[in-house]
């Protein structure tokens, strides 16, 4: 996206809506994959993988992977969603503001 001579980027309503849609899709897919991974790990240990190595892996999974797939990813996606909503709320025309200003300027 070229910025032109003014070094600005025009952001449209559609761009922000597309970001929000992508975040929603990503969140749903990530949650489904996290559930699948959790089911796989819980099915693997202790039925097919046991002993000290399995115990260590389970601790690593619980302490590192679960938080990254859970709260860590949720926080990141919430931040992106919050930024997109904030930008969306500030775009003129989002609630007819541009049209209202145009009408006011014509008087």
N, C-alpha and C. Protein backbone atom coordinates (compact mmCIF):
# COMPACT_ATOMS: atom_id res chain seq x y z
N UNK A 1 0.85 -1.16 0.00
CA UNK A 1 0.00 0.00 0.00
C UNK A 1 0.90 1.23 0.00
N UNK A 2 0.90 1.96 -1.09
CA UNK A 2 1.73 3.16 -1.21
C UNK A 2 1.18 4.27 -0.34
N UNK A 3 2.09 5.02 0.28
CA UNK A 3 1.65 6.09 1.16
C UNK A 3 1.56 7.43 0.43
N UNK A 4 2.12 7.54 -0.74
CA UNK A 4 2.04 8.80 -1.46
C UNK A 4 2.97 9.85 -0.89
N UNK A 5 2.78 11.05 -1.35
CA UNK A 5 3.69 12.14 -0.97
C UNK A 5 3.44 12.67 0.44
N UNK A 6 2.29 12.38 1.02
CA UNK A 6 2.00 12.89 2.36
C UNK A 6 2.39 11.91 3.46
N UNK A 7 2.89 10.73 3.08
CA UNK A 7 3.28 9.70 4.04
C UNK A 7 2.12 9.30 4.95
N UNK A 8 0.94 9.23 4.39
CA UNK A 8 -0.23 8.80 5.15
C UNK A 8 -0.86 7.58 4.47
N UNK A 9 -1.55 6.82 5.25
CA UNK A 9 -2.29 5.68 4.74
C UNK A 9 -3.76 5.91 5.07
N UNK A 10 -4.60 5.83 4.08
CA UNK A 10 -6.03 5.96 4.31
C UNK A 10 -6.57 4.60 4.74
N UNK A 11 -7.17 4.58 5.90
CA UNK A 11 -7.73 3.34 6.44
C UNK A 11 -9.24 3.40 6.23
N UNK A 12 -9.77 2.33 5.70
CA UNK A 12 -11.20 2.28 5.45
C UNK A 12 -11.90 1.41 6.49
N UNK A 13 -13.21 1.61 6.53
CA UNK A 13 -14.06 0.80 7.39
C UNK A 13 -13.88 -0.69 7.06
N UNK A 14 -13.83 -0.99 5.79
CA UNK A 14 -13.72 -2.37 5.34
C UNK A 14 -12.42 -3.01 5.83
N UNK A 15 -11.33 -2.26 5.82
CA UNK A 15 -10.06 -2.79 6.31
C UNK A 15 -10.18 -3.25 7.76
N UNK A 16 -10.79 -2.42 8.59
CA UNK A 16 -10.93 -2.76 10.00
C UNK A 16 -11.91 -3.91 10.20
N UNK A 17 -12.98 -3.92 9.42
CA UNK A 17 -13.94 -5.03 9.50
C UNK A 17 -13.26 -6.33 9.08
N UNK A 18 -12.41 -6.27 8.05
CA UNK A 18 -11.66 -7.46 7.61
C UNK A 18 -10.72 -7.96 8.70
N UNK A 19 -10.07 -7.03 9.40
CA UNK A 19 -9.19 -7.42 10.51
C UNK A 19 -10.00 -8.11 11.61
N UNK A 20 -11.13 -7.53 11.97
CA UNK A 20 -11.96 -8.13 13.02
C UNK A 20 -12.46 -9.52 12.61
N UNK A 21 -12.81 -9.66 11.34
CA UNK A 21 -13.25 -10.96 10.84
C UNK A 21 -12.11 -11.98 10.88
N UNK A 22 -10.91 -11.55 10.48
CA UNK A 22 -9.75 -12.44 10.49
C UNK A 22 -9.40 -12.86 11.91
N UNK A 23 -9.47 -11.94 12.86
CA UNK A 23 -9.18 -12.26 14.26
C UNK A 23 -10.19 -13.27 14.78
N UNK A 24 -11.44 -13.08 14.45
CA UNK A 24 -12.49 -14.00 14.88
C UNK A 24 -12.26 -15.40 14.30
N UNK A 25 -11.94 -15.47 13.02
CA UNK A 25 -11.66 -16.76 12.38
C UNK A 25 -10.43 -17.43 13.00
N UNK A 26 -9.38 -16.64 13.20
CA UNK A 26 -8.14 -17.16 13.78
C UNK A 26 -8.38 -17.69 15.18
N UNK A 27 -9.15 -16.93 15.96
CA UNK A 27 -9.45 -17.33 17.34
C UNK A 27 -10.19 -18.68 17.36
N UNK A 28 -11.17 -18.82 16.49
CA UNK A 28 -11.94 -20.07 16.43
C UNK A 28 -11.05 -21.25 16.02
N UNK A 29 -10.21 -21.04 15.01
CA UNK A 29 -9.33 -22.12 14.56
C UNK A 29 -8.29 -22.46 15.62
N UNK A 30 -7.73 -21.44 16.27
CA UNK A 30 -6.72 -21.68 17.30
C UNK A 30 -7.32 -22.43 18.48
N UNK A 31 -8.54 -22.07 18.87
CA UNK A 31 -9.21 -22.78 19.98
C UNK A 31 -9.46 -24.23 19.62
N UNK A 32 -9.90 -24.48 18.39
CA UNK A 32 -10.16 -25.86 17.96
C UNK A 32 -8.86 -26.67 17.95
N UNK A 33 -7.79 -26.07 17.45
CA UNK A 33 -6.50 -26.77 17.43
C UNK A 33 -5.95 -27.00 18.82
N UNK A 34 -6.14 -26.04 19.73
CA UNK A 34 -5.69 -26.20 21.11
C UNK A 34 -6.44 -27.35 21.78
N UNK A 35 -7.74 -27.45 21.53
CA UNK A 35 -8.52 -28.55 22.09
C UNK A 35 -8.06 -29.89 21.53
N UNK A 36 -7.78 -29.91 20.23
CA UNK A 36 -7.29 -31.14 19.59
C UNK A 36 -5.94 -31.55 20.17
N UNK A 37 -5.04 -30.58 20.34
CA UNK A 37 -3.73 -30.87 20.91
C UNK A 37 -3.87 -31.38 22.34
N UNK A 38 -4.73 -30.75 23.11
CA UNK A 38 -4.93 -31.18 24.50
C UNK A 38 -5.47 -32.61 24.55
N UNK A 39 -6.41 -32.92 23.69
CA UNK A 39 -6.95 -34.29 23.65
C UNK A 39 -5.87 -35.29 23.26
N UNK A 40 -5.01 -34.91 22.32
CA UNK A 40 -3.93 -35.80 21.88
C UNK A 40 -2.94 -36.05 23.01
N UNK A 41 -2.52 -34.97 23.68
CA UNK A 41 -1.55 -35.13 24.77
C UNK A 41 -2.15 -35.94 25.91
N UNK A 42 -3.40 -35.64 26.26
CA UNK A 42 -4.03 -36.37 27.36
C UNK A 42 -4.31 -37.83 27.00
N UNK A 43 -4.48 -38.10 25.71
CA UNK A 43 -4.66 -39.47 25.28
C UNK A 43 -3.35 -40.23 25.19
N UNK A 44 -2.29 -39.50 24.95
CA UNK A 44 -0.97 -40.11 24.81
C UNK A 44 -0.37 -40.50 26.16
N UNK A 45 -0.57 -39.63 27.15
CA UNK A 45 0.01 -39.85 28.48
C UNK A 45 -1.10 -40.27 29.43
N UNK A 46 -1.05 -41.34 30.12
CA UNK A 46 0.03 -42.31 30.26
C UNK A 46 -0.17 -43.57 29.43
N UNK A 47 -1.21 -43.62 28.58
CA UNK A 47 -1.50 -44.87 27.89
C UNK A 47 -0.40 -45.33 26.94
N UNK A 48 0.21 -44.41 26.19
CA UNK A 48 1.24 -44.78 25.21
C UNK A 48 2.62 -44.21 25.52
N UNK A 49 2.70 -43.36 26.51
CA UNK A 49 3.96 -42.69 26.83
C UNK A 49 3.97 -42.53 28.34
N UNK A 50 4.88 -43.22 29.01
CA UNK A 50 4.90 -43.16 30.46
C UNK A 50 6.33 -43.13 30.97
N UNK A 51 6.45 -42.89 32.22
CA UNK A 51 7.77 -42.83 32.84
C UNK A 51 8.19 -41.40 33.11
N UNK A 52 9.44 -41.25 33.46
CA UNK A 52 9.97 -39.94 33.83
C UNK A 52 9.94 -38.96 32.67
N UNK A 53 10.25 -39.43 31.47
CA UNK A 53 10.23 -38.54 30.29
C UNK A 53 8.81 -38.06 30.02
N UNK A 54 7.84 -38.94 30.18
CA UNK A 54 6.45 -38.56 29.97
C UNK A 54 6.01 -37.55 31.03
N UNK A 55 6.42 -37.79 32.27
CA UNK A 55 6.07 -36.85 33.35
C UNK A 55 6.67 -35.47 33.07
N UNK A 56 7.92 -35.45 32.65
CA UNK A 56 8.58 -34.18 32.32
C UNK A 56 7.92 -33.47 31.16
N UNK A 57 7.54 -34.23 30.13
CA UNK A 57 6.86 -33.64 28.99
C UNK A 57 5.51 -33.05 29.41
N UNK A 58 4.78 -33.79 30.24
CA UNK A 58 3.46 -33.31 30.69
C UNK A 58 3.61 -32.01 31.48
N UNK A 59 4.64 -31.93 32.33
CA UNK A 59 4.88 -30.70 33.08
C UNK A 59 5.22 -29.56 32.12
N UNK A 60 6.10 -29.82 31.15
CA UNK A 60 6.45 -28.80 30.16
C UNK A 60 5.20 -28.35 29.40
N UNK A 61 4.38 -29.30 28.97
CA UNK A 61 3.17 -28.99 28.22
C UNK A 61 2.23 -28.13 29.07
N UNK A 62 2.03 -28.52 30.31
CA UNK A 62 1.10 -27.81 31.19
C UNK A 62 1.60 -26.41 31.54
N UNK A 63 2.90 -26.28 31.77
CA UNK A 63 3.44 -24.99 32.20
C UNK A 63 3.74 -24.03 31.05
N UNK A 64 4.00 -24.54 29.84
CA UNK A 64 4.42 -23.68 28.74
C UNK A 64 3.45 -23.63 27.57
N UNK A 65 3.01 -24.78 27.11
CA UNK A 65 2.18 -24.83 25.92
C UNK A 65 0.75 -24.38 26.21
N UNK A 66 0.17 -24.91 27.28
CA UNK A 66 -1.21 -24.56 27.62
C UNK A 66 -1.38 -23.05 27.83
N UNK A 67 -0.52 -22.39 28.60
CA UNK A 67 -0.67 -20.93 28.75
C UNK A 67 -0.47 -20.16 27.44
N UNK A 68 0.48 -20.62 26.62
CA UNK A 68 0.71 -19.93 25.34
C UNK A 68 -0.48 -20.07 24.42
N UNK A 69 -1.07 -21.26 24.37
CA UNK A 69 -2.25 -21.48 23.53
C UNK A 69 -3.51 -20.89 24.14
N UNK A 70 -3.49 -20.64 25.43
CA UNK A 70 -4.67 -20.13 26.12
C UNK A 70 -4.61 -18.63 26.33
N UNK A 71 -4.21 -18.25 27.52
CA UNK A 71 -4.21 -16.83 27.88
C UNK A 71 -3.26 -15.98 27.04
N UNK A 72 -2.11 -16.54 26.68
CA UNK A 72 -1.15 -15.78 25.87
C UNK A 72 -1.73 -15.40 24.52
N UNK A 73 -2.29 -16.36 23.83
CA UNK A 73 -2.88 -16.10 22.51
C UNK A 73 -4.13 -15.26 22.64
N UNK A 74 -4.93 -15.52 23.68
CA UNK A 74 -6.14 -14.74 23.90
C UNK A 74 -5.80 -13.26 24.11
N UNK A 75 -4.78 -13.00 24.91
CA UNK A 75 -4.37 -11.61 25.16
C UNK A 75 -3.91 -10.91 23.90
N UNK A 76 -3.16 -11.61 23.07
CA UNK A 76 -2.69 -11.04 21.81
C UNK A 76 -3.86 -10.73 20.89
N UNK A 77 -4.76 -11.69 20.73
CA UNK A 77 -5.91 -11.48 19.85
C UNK A 77 -6.84 -10.40 20.39
N UNK A 78 -7.01 -10.34 21.71
CA UNK A 78 -7.82 -9.27 22.31
C UNK A 78 -7.21 -7.90 22.04
N UNK A 79 -5.88 -7.81 22.08
CA UNK A 79 -5.21 -6.53 21.82
C UNK A 79 -5.40 -6.11 20.37
N UNK A 80 -5.24 -7.03 19.43
CA UNK A 80 -5.44 -6.71 18.01
C UNK A 80 -6.89 -6.29 17.78
N UNK A 81 -7.81 -7.03 18.37
CA UNK A 81 -9.23 -6.71 18.23
C UNK A 81 -9.54 -5.34 18.83
N UNK A 82 -8.97 -5.04 19.98
CA UNK A 82 -9.18 -3.74 20.61
C UNK A 82 -8.64 -2.59 19.77
N UNK A 83 -7.46 -2.79 19.18
CA UNK A 83 -6.90 -1.74 18.31
C UNK A 83 -7.78 -1.53 17.09
N UNK A 84 -8.22 -2.61 16.48
CA UNK A 84 -9.06 -2.50 15.29
C UNK A 84 -10.39 -1.81 15.63
N UNK A 85 -10.98 -2.16 16.76
CA UNK A 85 -12.22 -1.51 17.17
C UNK A 85 -12.01 -0.03 17.47
N UNK A 86 -10.88 0.30 18.11
CA UNK A 86 -10.58 1.70 18.40
C UNK A 86 -10.41 2.51 17.13
N UNK A 87 -9.69 1.95 16.18
CA UNK A 87 -9.50 2.65 14.90
C UNK A 87 -10.83 2.76 14.18
N UNK A 88 -11.60 1.70 14.19
CA UNK A 88 -12.90 1.69 13.52
C UNK A 88 -13.81 2.76 14.10
N UNK A 89 -13.80 2.90 15.41
CA UNK A 89 -14.63 3.91 16.07
C UNK A 89 -14.20 5.33 15.73
N UNK A 90 -12.94 5.52 15.39
CA UNK A 90 -12.44 6.87 15.13
C UNK A 90 -12.47 7.25 13.65
N UNK A 91 -12.84 6.34 12.78
CA UNK A 91 -12.89 6.65 11.34
C UNK A 91 -14.12 7.49 11.05
N UNK A 92 -13.94 8.66 10.47
CA UNK A 92 -15.10 9.46 10.07
C UNK A 92 -15.96 8.67 9.09
N UNK A 93 -17.23 8.79 9.28
CA UNK A 93 -18.15 8.08 8.41
C UNK A 93 -18.62 6.78 9.01
N UNK A 94 -18.00 6.35 10.10
CA UNK A 94 -18.38 5.09 10.72
C UNK A 94 -19.83 5.12 11.18
N UNK A 95 -20.23 6.25 11.71
CA UNK A 95 -21.61 6.40 12.17
C UNK A 95 -22.29 7.54 11.41
N UNK A 96 -21.89 7.73 10.18
CA UNK A 96 -22.46 8.81 9.38
C UNK A 96 -21.86 10.16 9.70
N UNK A 97 -20.77 10.19 10.46
CA UNK A 97 -20.16 11.45 10.87
C UNK A 97 -19.73 12.27 9.66
N UNK A 98 -19.14 11.64 8.66
CA UNK A 98 -18.68 12.36 7.49
C UNK A 98 -19.86 13.01 6.77
N UNK A 99 -20.97 12.28 6.67
CA UNK A 99 -22.16 12.84 6.03
C UNK A 99 -22.72 13.99 6.85
N UNK A 100 -22.71 13.83 8.18
CA UNK A 100 -23.20 14.91 9.06
C UNK A 100 -22.34 16.15 8.91
N UNK A 101 -21.03 15.98 8.86
CA UNK A 101 -20.12 17.13 8.67
C UNK A 101 -20.35 17.78 7.31
N UNK A 102 -20.57 16.96 6.30
CA UNK A 102 -20.84 17.49 4.97
C UNK A 102 -22.11 18.32 4.95
N UNK A 103 -23.17 17.83 5.60
CA UNK A 103 -24.41 18.59 5.67
C UNK A 103 -24.21 19.89 6.43
N UNK A 104 -23.47 19.82 7.52
CA UNK A 104 -23.22 21.04 8.31
C UNK A 104 -22.38 22.04 7.54
N UNK A 105 -21.42 21.57 6.77
CA UNK A 105 -20.59 22.48 6.00
C UNK A 105 -21.34 23.14 4.86
N UNK A 106 -22.41 22.53 4.40
CA UNK A 106 -23.20 23.10 3.30
C UNK A 106 -24.10 24.23 3.78
N UNK A 107 -24.29 24.38 5.06
CA UNK A 107 -25.20 25.41 5.58
C UNK A 107 -24.52 26.74 5.74
